[in-house]
Structures are given as structure tokens and as C-alpha cells.
Amino acid sequence: MGNLSSKYKRIFLRNIAWSAEDNAVSLSLALKQAAQSRLKSSSSGLYLTGTSANGASVNYSIPPSGDATPTSIAELCGELIDLFEAVKAAHSDADDETLLRYMLNRIVSVKSYCSNFGGLVR
């Protein structure tokens, strides 16, 4: 999921879920609205800070310095939609709160990694 930290991704997802809950819309619709809003504003260089669904209220601000660029946020929205669809396919009867928990469990930090060249043949 890009170069954004897992902590940032998790709070971004939670913010979308909170907006969905506040506006009495589904998590799926809130993710869609966030992605559409992000893509519409990506050329302006603004940063998505809030969404809504039925009223279509969206808030923007100037992006902070660092990894959260307009493009990376648009990519994150796409990745969260892909993750939602995968989780929904695996747990089709789950409600939004349960789906959110499954999604948050899939967004984890990479603690370490190593290269494995064991399959190389000379």
C-alpha cells in the first residue's frame, strides 16, 4: 500500500468510517465518495481532509509536507477500495463494523524483511 505509514493508512480508513457512520451511509459508499473526491482534486494539489456521502460535502486543505501527496492519497483510496472488496468477498454477510475490523487487521506495519536468494541456480 504505497509509501504511507500503516498508522496513517489506519487513521485515514477510520476517518472515512467515522464519516460514514456520522452521515448514515455504508462504508462502501463512503470509500467511493472519498476516491471520487480525491481524483477530482488531484490536479489542484489540494489534500482531502473530510468526506460525506449523500450531501456530498468534501473538505480540502493544502497538503502537508512529507509522504502524503495528492497522488499517494488517491492511490490509498484505490487500495482501500480494493481491500474492502476483497474483505467483502471473503465475509459477504459481515456488517460495516466487522468489515472495518477485518480491513484494519490487514493494514499492518512491516517490521523487517530479508532477501532470500535460496532459489538461485548457478
C-alpha atoms as a PDB file:
ATOM      1  CA  MET A   1       0.000   0.000   0.000  1.00  0.00           C
ATOM      2  CA  GLY A   2       2.385   2.672  -1.132  1.00  0.00           C
ATOM      3  CA  ASN A   3       4.878   4.652   0.899  1.00  0.00           C
ATOM      4  CA  LEU A   4       2.487   5.952   3.563  1.00  0.00           C
ATOM      5  CA  SER A   5       2.857   4.542   7.061  1.00  0.00           C
ATOM      6  CA  SER A   6       0.432   1.906   8.259  1.00  0.00           C
ATOM      7  CA  LYS A   7      -0.568   4.240  11.124  1.00  0.00           C
ATOM      8  CA  TYR A   8      -1.533   6.916   8.604  1.00  0.00           C
ATOM      9  CA  LYS A   9      -3.466   4.412   6.480  1.00  0.00           C
ATOM     10  CA  ARG A  10      -5.347   3.117   9.508  1.00  0.00           C
ATOM     11  CA  ILE A  11      -6.404   6.583  10.707  1.00  0.00           C
ATOM     12  CA  PHE A  12      -7.352   7.551   7.153  1.00  0.00           C
ATOM     13  CA  LEU A  13      -9.593   4.464   6.934  1.00  0.00           C
ATOM     14  CA  ARG A  14     -11.032   5.140  10.379  1.00  0.00           C
ATOM     15  CA  ASN A  15     -11.805   8.741   9.379  1.00  0.00           C
ATOM     16  CA  ILE A  16     -13.742   7.511   6.348  1.00  0.00           C
ATOM     17  CA  ALA A  17     -15.591   5.010   8.544  1.00  0.00           C
ATOM     18  CA  TRP A  18     -16.436   7.725  11.082  1.00  0.00           C
ATOM     19  CA  SER A  19     -17.746   9.952   8.288  1.00  0.00           C
ATOM     20  CA  ALA A  20     -19.867   7.070   7.006  1.00  0.00           C
ATOM     21  CA  GLU A  21     -21.290   6.494  10.470  1.00  0.00           C
ATOM     22  CA  ASP A  22     -21.957  10.213  11.054  1.00  0.00           C
ATOM     23  CA  ASN A  23     -23.770  10.504   7.720  1.00  0.00           C
ATOM     24  CA  ALA A  24     -25.624   7.175   7.998  1.00  0.00           C
ATOM     25  CA  VAL A  25     -24.154   5.746   4.798  1.00  0.00           C
ATOM     26  CA  SER A  26     -22.380   2.483   4.078  1.00  0.00           C
ATOM     27  CA  LEU A  27     -18.627   2.114   4.318  1.00  0.00           C
ATOM     28  CA  SER A  28     -18.599   1.156   0.643  1.00  0.00           C
ATOM     29  CA  LEU A  29     -20.291   4.411  -0.374  1.00  0.00           C
ATOM     30  CA  ALA A  30     -18.003   6.484   1.864  1.00  0.00           C
ATOM     31  CA  LEU A  31     -14.914   4.858   0.292  1.00  0.00           C
ATOM     32  CA  LYS A  32     -16.314   5.544  -3.163  1.00  0.00           C
ATOM     33  CA  GLN A  33     -17.006   9.193  -2.306  1.00  0.00           C
ATOM     34  CA  ALA A  34     -13.513   9.629  -0.869  1.00  0.00           C
ATOM     35  CA  ALA A  35     -11.914   8.162  -4.001  1.00  0.00           C
ATOM     36  CA  GLN A  36     -14.057  10.244  -6.355  1.00  0.00           C
ATOM     37  CA  SER A  37     -13.364  13.407  -4.391  1.00  0.00           C
ATOM     38  CA  ARG A  38      -9.650  12.669  -4.268  1.00  0.00           C
ATOM     39  CA  LEU A  39      -9.438  12.117  -8.024  1.00  0.00           C
ATOM     40  CA  LYS A  40     -11.382  15.281  -8.779  1.00  0.00           C
ATOM     41  CA  SER A  41      -8.990  17.371  -6.711  1.00  0.00           C
ATOM     42  CA  SER A  42      -5.704  15.674  -7.604  1.00  0.00           C
ATOM     43  CA  SER A  43      -4.892  18.194 -10.312  1.00  0.00           C
ATOM     44  CA  SER A  44      -5.467  21.123  -7.951  1.00  0.00           C
ATOM     45  CA  GLY A  45      -2.809  19.985  -5.473  1.00  0.00           C
ATOM     46  CA  LEU A  46      -5.233  20.050  -2.560  1.00  0.00           C
ATOM     47  CA  TYR A  47      -5.404  17.426   0.137  1.00  0.00           C
ATOM     48  CA  LEU A  48      -8.610  15.601   1.097  1.00  0.00           C
ATOM     49  CA  THR A  49      -9.387  16.163   4.781  1.00  0.00           C
ATOM     50  CA  GLY A  50     -13.032  15.129   5.041  1.00  0.00           C
ATOM     51  CA  THR A  51     -15.825  13.491   3.128  1.00  0.00           C
ATOM     52  CA  SER A  52     -19.553  12.981   3.302  1.00  0.00           C
ATOM     53  CA  ALA A  53     -21.863  10.965   1.124  1.00  0.00           C
ATOM     54  CA  ASN A  54     -25.451  11.989   0.484  1.00  0.00           C
ATOM     55  CA  GLY A  55     -24.809  15.700   0.961  1.00  0.00           C
ATOM     56  CA  ALA A  56     -21.527  15.353  -0.956  1.00  0.00           C
ATOM     57  CA  SER A  57     -19.701  17.662   1.450  1.00  0.00           C
ATOM     58  CA  VAL A  58     -15.946  17.338   0.974  1.00  0.00           C
ATOM     59  CA  ASN A  59     -13.200  19.333   2.682  1.00  0.00           C
ATOM     60  CA  TYR A  60      -9.744  20.127   1.313  1.00  0.00           C
ATOM     61  CA  SER A  61      -6.626  21.841   2.561  1.00  0.00           C
ATOM     62  CA  ILE A  62      -3.081  22.444   1.371  1.00  0.00           C
ATOM     63  CA  PRO A  63      -1.118  19.212   1.658  1.00  0.00           C
ATOM     64  CA  PRO A  64       1.413  18.834   4.456  1.00  0.00           C
ATOM     65  CA  SER A  65       4.997  18.132   3.551  1.00  0.00           C
ATOM     66  CA  GLY A  66       6.061  14.520   3.627  1.00  0.00           C
ATOM     67  CA  ASP A  67       4.749  11.355   2.048  1.00  0.00           C
ATOM     68  CA  ALA A  68       1.045  12.319   1.916  1.00  0.00           C
ATOM     69  CA  THR A  69       0.962  13.778  -1.588  1.00  0.00           C
ATOM     70  CA  PRO A  70      -2.285  14.160  -3.546  1.00  0.00           C
ATOM     71  CA  THR A  71      -1.263  11.224  -5.722  1.00  0.00           C
ATOM     72  CA  SER A  72      -0.422   8.957  -2.775  1.00  0.00           C
ATOM     73  CA  ILE A  73      -3.777   9.745  -1.146  1.00  0.00           C
ATOM     74  CA  ALA A  74      -5.598   8.943  -4.409  1.00  0.00           C
ATOM     75  CA  GLU A  75      -3.675   5.673  -4.604  1.00  0.00           C
ATOM     76  CA  LEU A  76      -4.521   4.934  -0.965  1.00  0.00           C
ATOM     77  CA  CYS A  77      -8.224   5.430  -1.700  1.00  0.00           C
ATOM     78  CA  GLY A  78      -7.944   2.927  -4.549  1.00  0.00           C
ATOM     79  CA  GLU A  79      -6.084   0.446  -2.382  1.00  0.00           C
ATOM     80  CA  LEU A  80      -8.680   0.761   0.383  1.00  0.00           C
ATOM     81  CA  ILE A  81     -11.476   0.085  -2.116  1.00  0.00           C
ATOM     82  CA  ASP A  82      -9.589  -2.995  -3.362  1.00  0.00           C
ATOM     83  CA  LEU A  83      -9.101  -4.135   0.233  1.00  0.00           C
ATOM     84  CA  PHE A  84     -12.790  -3.549   1.021  1.00  0.00           C
ATOM     85  CA  GLU A  85     -13.845  -5.627  -1.995  1.00  0.00           C
ATOM     86  CA  ALA A  86     -11.504  -8.480  -1.026  1.00  0.00           C
ATOM     87  CA  VAL A  87     -12.705  -8.482   2.579  1.00  0.00           C
ATOM     88  CA  LYS A  88     -16.349  -8.223   1.490  1.00  0.00           C
ATOM     89  CA  ALA A  89     -15.904 -11.186  -0.876  1.00  0.00           C
ATOM     90  CA  ALA A  90     -14.451 -13.276   1.949  1.00  0.00           C
ATOM     91  CA  HIS A  91     -17.065 -12.169   4.519  1.00  0.00           C
ATOM     92  CA  SER A  92     -20.172 -11.367   2.485  1.00  0.00           C
ATOM     93  CA  ASP A  93     -22.556 -11.437   5.464  1.00  0.00           C
ATOM     94  CA  ALA A  94     -20.485  -9.104   7.667  1.00  0.00           C
ATOM     95  CA  ASP A  95     -21.716  -5.639   8.642  1.00  0.00           C
ATOM     96  CA  ASP A  96     -19.653  -2.477   8.121  1.00  0.00           C
ATOM     97  CA  GLU A  97     -18.157  -2.525  11.619  1.00  0.00           C
ATOM     98  CA  THR A  98     -16.928  -6.088  11.156  1.00  0.00           C
ATOM     99  CA  LEU A  99     -15.604  -5.319   7.673  1.00  0.00           C
ATOM    100  CA  LEU A 100     -13.737  -2.320   9.098  1.00  0.00           C
ATOM    101  CA  ARG A 101     -12.098  -4.537  11.728  1.00  0.00           C
ATOM    102  CA  TYR A 102     -11.030  -7.040   9.067  1.00  0.00           C
ATOM    103  CA  MET A 103      -9.616  -4.205   6.944  1.00  0.00           C
ATOM    104  CA  LEU A 104      -7.707  -2.698   9.865  1.00  0.00           C
ATOM    105  CA  ASN A 105      -6.260  -6.133  10.647  1.00  0.00           C
ATOM    106  CA  ARG A 106      -4.909  -6.346   7.076  1.00  0.00           C
ATOM    107  CA  ILE A 107      -3.147  -2.953   7.288  1.00  0.00           C
ATOM    108  CA  VAL A 108      -0.077  -3.824   9.330  1.00  0.00           C
ATOM    109  CA  SER A 109       3.434  -2.479   9.709  1.00  0.00           C
ATOM    110  CA  VAL A 110       6.342  -4.271   8.095  1.00  0.00           C
ATOM    111  CA  LYS A 111       8.693  -4.902  10.999  1.00  0.00           C
ATOM    112  CA  SER A 112      11.514  -6.420   8.980  1.00  0.00           C
ATOM    113  CA  TYR A 113      12.269  -8.125   5.732  1.00  0.00           C
ATOM    114  CA  CYS A 114      15.113 -10.089   4.211  1.00  0.00           C
ATOM    115  CA  SER A 115      16.173 -11.140   0.774  1.00  0.00           C
ATOM    116  CA  ASN A 116      16.091 -14.845   0.041  1.00  0.00           C
ATOM    117  CA  PHE A 117      18.327 -15.949  -2.781  1.00  0.00           C
ATOM    118  CA  GLY A 118      17.870 -19.657  -1.988  1.00  0.00           C
ATOM    119  CA  GLY A 119      16.234 -20.337  -5.332  1.00  0.00           C
ATOM    120  CA  LEU A 120      19.128 -19.019  -7.413  1.00  0.00           C
ATOM    121  CA  VAL A 121      20.787 -21.575  -9.603  1.00  0.00           C
ATOM    122  CA  ARG A 122      24.279 -21.105 -10.902  1.00  0.00           C
END
